[in-house]
Amino acid sequence: MIVNWSEVPRFDTEAGEAKFWSETRLDARLMNASLVKADSRESTMITLRFDPRMLARIKRLARSRYLNYQSMIKQWLSERLEKEL
């Protein structure tokens, strides 16, 4: 069972990754919004406008990953910010 994301190895092939995930389970705590390191300061609410079709696609993808779509968007933004910096 994977209890920390750092335990997930890098994969050379899709087949290797598929085999790994078919035999491996994640700790339920990894499946929530805490994937993004929380800042101890309060959050600031913002408003974003999305094309309805795009938002529907995001929501479907989030559901397939058992995530809240807002949390998934925050995770994506956090990951991209780290790449940019």
C-alpha atoms as a PDB file:
ATOM      1  CA  MET A   1       0.000   0.000   0.000  1.00  0.00           C
ATOM      2  CA  ILE A   2       1.278   3.454  -0.972  1.00  0.00           C
ATOM      3  CA  VAL A   3       1.050   5.900   1.937  1.00  0.00           C
ATOM      4  CA  ASN A   4       3.190   8.669   0.448  1.00  0.00           C
ATOM      5  CA  TRP A   5       3.343   9.899  -3.157  1.00  0.00           C
ATOM      6  CA  SER A   6       7.141   9.693  -3.061  1.00  0.00           C
ATOM      7  CA  GLU A   7       6.781   5.899  -2.964  1.00  0.00           C
ATOM      8  CA  VAL A   8       5.437   5.846  -6.538  1.00  0.00           C
ATOM      9  CA  PRO A   9       8.312   4.979  -8.870  1.00  0.00           C
ATOM     10  CA  ARG A  10       9.082   6.491 -12.273  1.00  0.00           C
ATOM     11  CA  PHE A  11       7.926   4.219 -15.063  1.00  0.00           C
ATOM     12  CA  ASP A  12       9.759   3.437 -18.290  1.00  0.00           C
ATOM     13  CA  THR A  13       6.696   2.095 -20.065  1.00  0.00           C
ATOM     14  CA  GLU A  14       2.922   2.347 -19.864  1.00  0.00           C
ATOM     15  CA  ALA A  15       2.790  -1.426 -19.487  1.00  0.00           C
ATOM     16  CA  GLY A  16       5.042  -1.220 -16.433  1.00  0.00           C
ATOM     17  CA  GLU A  17       2.894   1.505 -14.939  1.00  0.00           C
ATOM     18  CA  ALA A  18      -0.301  -0.441 -15.635  1.00  0.00           C
ATOM     19  CA  LYS A  19       1.157  -3.532 -13.947  1.00  0.00           C
ATOM     20  CA  PHE A  20       2.239  -1.492 -10.919  1.00  0.00           C
ATOM     21  CA  TRP A  21      -1.206   0.086 -10.446  1.00  0.00           C
ATOM     22  CA  SER A  22      -3.021  -3.214 -10.972  1.00  0.00           C
ATOM     23  CA  GLU A  23      -1.069  -4.658  -8.034  1.00  0.00           C
ATOM     24  CA  THR A  24      -0.846  -1.567  -5.806  1.00  0.00           C
ATOM     25  CA  ARG A  25      -3.350   0.211  -3.591  1.00  0.00           C
ATOM     26  CA  LEU A  26      -3.284   3.791  -2.338  1.00  0.00           C
ATOM     27  CA  ASP A  27      -3.919   4.826   1.224  1.00  0.00           C
ATOM     28  CA  ALA A  28      -7.309   6.578   1.247  1.00  0.00           C
ATOM     29  CA  ARG A  29      -5.742   9.711   2.742  1.00  0.00           C
ATOM     30  CA  LEU A  30      -3.872  10.296  -0.526  1.00  0.00           C
ATOM     31  CA  MET A  31      -7.128  10.540  -2.451  1.00  0.00           C
ATOM     32  CA  ASN A  32      -8.245  13.863  -1.000  1.00  0.00           C
ATOM     33  CA  ALA A  33      -7.388  17.505  -1.489  1.00  0.00           C
ATOM     34  CA  SER A  34      -4.413  17.344   0.863  1.00  0.00           C
ATOM     35  CA  LEU A  35      -2.252  16.455  -2.141  1.00  0.00           C
ATOM     36  CA  VAL A  36      -1.475  20.141  -2.378  1.00  0.00           C
ATOM     37  CA  LYS A  37       0.616  21.365   0.508  1.00  0.00           C
ATOM     38  CA  ALA A  38      -1.680  23.544   2.538  1.00  0.00           C
ATOM     39  CA  ASP A  39      -0.531  26.985   3.491  1.00  0.00           C
ATOM     40  CA  SER A  40      -1.122  27.872   7.120  1.00  0.00           C
ATOM     41  CA  ARG A  41      -2.703  31.170   6.039  1.00  0.00           C
ATOM     42  CA  GLU A  42      -6.359  31.422   5.171  1.00  0.00           C
ATOM     43  CA  SER A  43      -7.500  30.818   1.624  1.00  0.00           C
ATOM     44  CA  THR A  44      -8.716  33.606  -0.609  1.00  0.00           C
ATOM     45  CA  MET A  45     -11.845  32.996  -2.630  1.00  0.00           C
ATOM     46  CA  ILE A  46     -11.734  33.889  -6.312  1.00  0.00           C
ATOM     47  CA  THR A  47     -14.165  33.503  -9.187  1.00  0.00           C
ATOM     48  CA  LEU A  48     -13.256  31.917 -12.499  1.00  0.00           C
ATOM     49  CA  ARG A  49     -15.512  31.596 -15.503  1.00  0.00           C
ATOM     50  CA  PHE A  50     -15.285  28.381 -17.511  1.00  0.00           C
ATOM     51  CA  ASP A  51     -16.867  27.284 -20.724  1.00  0.00           C
ATOM     52  CA  PRO A  52     -19.652  24.886 -19.580  1.00  0.00           C
ATOM     53  CA  ARG A  53     -18.298  22.049 -21.731  1.00  0.00           C
ATOM     54  CA  MET A  54     -14.806  22.448 -20.312  1.00  0.00           C
ATOM     55  CA  LEU A  55     -16.134  22.482 -16.758  1.00  0.00           C
ATOM     56  CA  ALA A  56     -18.181  19.346 -17.435  1.00  0.00           C
ATOM     57  CA  ARG A  57     -15.042  17.601 -18.724  1.00  0.00           C
ATOM     58  CA  ILE A  58     -13.072  18.701 -15.645  1.00  0.00           C
ATOM     59  CA  LYS A  59     -15.825  17.429 -13.341  1.00  0.00           C
ATOM     60  CA  ARG A  60     -15.948  14.064 -15.147  1.00  0.00           C
ATOM     61  CA  LEU A  61     -12.187  13.696 -14.872  1.00  0.00           C
ATOM     62  CA  ALA A  62     -12.236  14.617 -11.180  1.00  0.00           C
ATOM     63  CA  ARG A  63     -15.002  12.080 -10.485  1.00  0.00           C
ATOM     64  CA  SER A  64     -13.004   9.365 -12.222  1.00  0.00           C
ATOM     65  CA  ARG A  65     -10.128  10.155  -9.825  1.00  0.00           C
ATOM     66  CA  TYR A  66     -12.416  10.360  -6.772  1.00  0.00           C
ATOM     67  CA  LEU A  67     -11.523  14.014  -6.264  1.00  0.00           C
ATOM     68  CA  ASN A  68     -13.505  17.185  -5.790  1.00  0.00           C
ATOM     69  CA  TYR A  69     -13.129  19.162  -9.018  1.00  0.00           C
ATOM     70  CA  GLN A  70     -12.122  22.385  -7.242  1.00  0.00           C
ATOM     71  CA  SER A  71      -9.409  20.500  -5.354  1.00  0.00           C
ATOM     72  CA  MET A  72      -8.167  18.941  -8.568  1.00  0.00           C
ATOM     73  CA  ILE A  73      -7.943  22.369 -10.225  1.00  0.00           C
ATOM     74  CA  LYS A  74      -5.974  23.681  -7.225  1.00  0.00           C
ATOM     75  CA  GLN A  75      -3.674  20.672  -7.461  1.00  0.00           C
ATOM     76  CA  TRP A  76      -3.103  21.318 -11.182  1.00  0.00           C
ATOM     77  CA  LEU A  77      -2.345  24.985 -10.544  1.00  0.00           C
ATOM     78  CA  SER A  78       0.045  24.133  -7.739  1.00  0.00           C
ATOM     79  CA  GLU A  79       1.900  21.576  -9.887  1.00  0.00           C
ATOM     80  CA  ARG A  80       2.154  24.007 -12.798  1.00  0.00           C
ATOM     81  CA  LEU A  81       3.371  26.793 -10.540  1.00  0.00           C
ATOM     82  CA  GLU A  82       6.143  24.550  -9.248  1.00  0.00           C
ATOM     83  CA  LYS A  83       7.165  23.736 -12.834  1.00  0.00           C
ATOM     84  CA  GLU A  84       7.223  27.407 -13.793  1.00  0.00           C
ATOM     85  CA  LEU A  85       9.324  28.389 -10.796  1.00  0.00           C
END
